[in-house]
Each structure stands twice: as C-alpha cells, then as structure tokens.
Protein backbone atom coordinates (compact mmCIF):
# COMPACT_ATOMS: atom_id res chain seq x y z
CA UNK A 1 5.26 -25.29 15.04
CA UNK A 2 7.01 -24.41 18.31
CA UNK A 3 9.56 -27.25 18.04
CA UNK A 4 10.22 -26.74 14.26
CA UNK A 5 13.82 -25.83 13.45
CA UNK A 6 14.12 -23.96 10.17
CA UNK A 7 17.18 -24.72 7.99
CA UNK A 8 16.53 -23.06 4.57
CA UNK A 9 17.63 -19.95 2.70
CA UNK A 10 14.65 -19.39 0.40
CA UNK A 11 10.89 -19.57 1.03
CA UNK A 12 8.44 -19.77 -1.88
CA UNK A 13 4.67 -19.22 -1.24
CA UNK A 14 2.70 -19.52 -4.54
CA UNK A 15 -0.73 -19.09 -2.77
CA UNK A 16 -0.20 -16.48 -0.08
CA UNK A 17 -3.80 -16.48 1.38
CA UNK A 18 -3.49 -15.42 5.00
CA UNK A 19 0.23 -15.89 4.92
CA UNK A 20 0.19 -17.34 8.46
CA UNK A 21 3.28 -19.64 8.03
CA UNK A 22 5.36 -16.90 6.39
CA UNK A 23 4.67 -14.42 9.23
CA UNK A 24 5.27 -17.16 11.83
CA UNK A 25 8.71 -17.88 10.45
CA UNK A 26 9.58 -14.19 10.04
CA UNK A 27 8.49 -13.49 13.69
CA UNK A 28 11.02 -16.00 14.87
CA UNK A 29 13.85 -14.01 13.35
CA UNK A 30 14.73 -16.62 10.80
CA UNK A 31 16.71 -15.06 7.91
CA UNK A 32 15.57 -16.15 4.50
CA UNK A 33 14.79 -14.74 1.11
CA UNK A 34 11.12 -14.92 0.46
CA UNK A 35 9.01 -15.09 -2.80
CA UNK A 36 5.39 -14.40 -1.99
CA UNK A 37 2.68 -14.55 -4.66
CA UNK A 38 -1.03 -14.84 -5.03
CA UNK A 39 -3.54 -14.16 -7.86
CA UNK A 40 -5.20 -11.49 -5.69
CA UNK A 41 -3.37 -8.28 -6.31
CA UNK A 42 -4.87 -6.42 -3.36
CA UNK A 43 -3.80 -9.21 -0.94
CA UNK A 44 -0.17 -8.95 -2.17
CA UNK A 45 -0.37 -5.21 -2.05
CA UNK A 46 -1.69 -5.16 1.50
CA UNK A 47 1.25 -7.40 2.55
CA UNK A 48 3.76 -5.00 0.92
CA UNK A 49 2.20 -2.11 2.76
CA UNK A 50 2.17 -3.95 6.04
CA UNK A 51 5.94 -4.67 5.55
CA UNK A 52 6.95 -1.19 4.41
CA UNK A 53 4.45 1.31 5.95
CA UNK A 54 2.97 -0.34 9.05
CA UNK A 55 2.36 2.72 11.06
CA UNK A 56 0.41 4.32 8.29
CA UNK A 57 -1.61 1.20 7.81
CA UNK A 58 -2.35 1.05 11.50
CA UNK A 59 -3.69 4.63 11.41
CA UNK A 60 -6.05 3.85 8.37
CA UNK A 61 -7.28 0.66 10.17
CA UNK A 62 -8.11 2.78 13.26
CA UNK A 63 -10.39 4.86 11.07
CA UNK A 64 -12.20 1.70 9.79
CA UNK A 65 -12.40 0.27 13.27
CA UNK A 66 -14.44 3.28 14.39
CA UNK A 67 -16.79 2.92 11.50
CA UNK A 68 -17.12 -0.88 11.66
CA UNK A 69 -19.96 -1.11 14.12
CA UNK A 70 -22.08 1.36 12.22
CA UNK A 71 -21.39 -0.41 8.96
CA UNK A 72 -22.21 -3.84 10.54
CA UNK A 73 -25.51 -2.66 11.92
CA UNK A 74 -26.51 -1.13 8.67
CA UNK A 75 -25.79 -4.36 6.82
CA UNK A 76 -27.57 -6.52 9.42
CA UNK A 77 -30.64 -4.27 9.12
CA UNK A 78 -30.93 -4.62 5.39
CA UNK A 79 -34.37 -5.86 4.54
CA UNK A 80 -33.71 -6.47 0.79
CA UNK A 81 -30.80 -7.26 -1.50
CA UNK A 82 -31.26 -3.74 -3.10
CA UNK A 83 -30.68 -2.07 0.35
CA UNK A 84 -27.59 -4.17 0.80
CA UNK A 85 -26.25 -3.23 -2.67
CA UNK A 86 -26.93 0.50 -1.94
CA UNK A 87 -24.90 0.25 1.30
CA UNK A 88 -22.00 -1.58 -0.50
CA UNK A 89 -21.96 1.10 -3.18
CA UNK A 90 -21.94 3.81 -0.48
CA UNK A 91 -19.02 2.17 1.24
CA UNK A 92 -17.11 1.96 -2.01
CA UNK A 93 -17.78 5.54 -2.85
CA UNK A 94 -16.59 6.52 0.69
CA UNK A 95 -13.40 4.44 0.28
CA UNK A 96 -12.73 6.05 -3.15
CA UNK A 97 -13.20 9.65 -1.92
CA UNK A 98 -10.74 8.98 1.03
CA UNK A 99 -7.93 7.94 -1.35
C-alpha cells in the first residue's frame, strides 16, 4: 500500500468490517467523499463516535482497559457454561448502568 497513488473522489465501503483500508487512506491526507456501511449498527456507530468524539471515546476505553484483566481472569476461570453466562450478564448490566 505504501506505493499506492490514490486518484478518486468517492469511496464506497459496503462491508466496513475493521475499516482498515478506509482509515489507511484517510491517514494519508487523501481528500475524498466516503460512504461507509455495514449491517452491524454498533460497528457503524463506533466509527461515527471515533470520528466525531475521539477524546471522549478514549476516556471510556481507558475505563474498560483497567477492568479488562479482571474480566478476562473471571472468564478464564469459569468452570461451567452457566458461570460464563452469569459473568456476561453481569458485564452487560454494568455497561447498561454506566450509560
């Protein structure tokens, strides 16, 4: 990609996924109108937030980073599917209460 010369005005991405190509092109300062889409609403919303409220997103991610190790250890130590399910419900409840 380092030798690629872009010469386009519009970029369409029907399946955004990780959006690696889009962000690579944007990071090079290439000016183009973009149309990003995906069936996953949360993925699209996350990209919109990253584009418009990056500092706020970084602060939220720092909170999750602190909790990540504790959560991972809890999941690894699950002995049954029921324990895993209980932890996932707890995490969802925690996320809902923080919004």
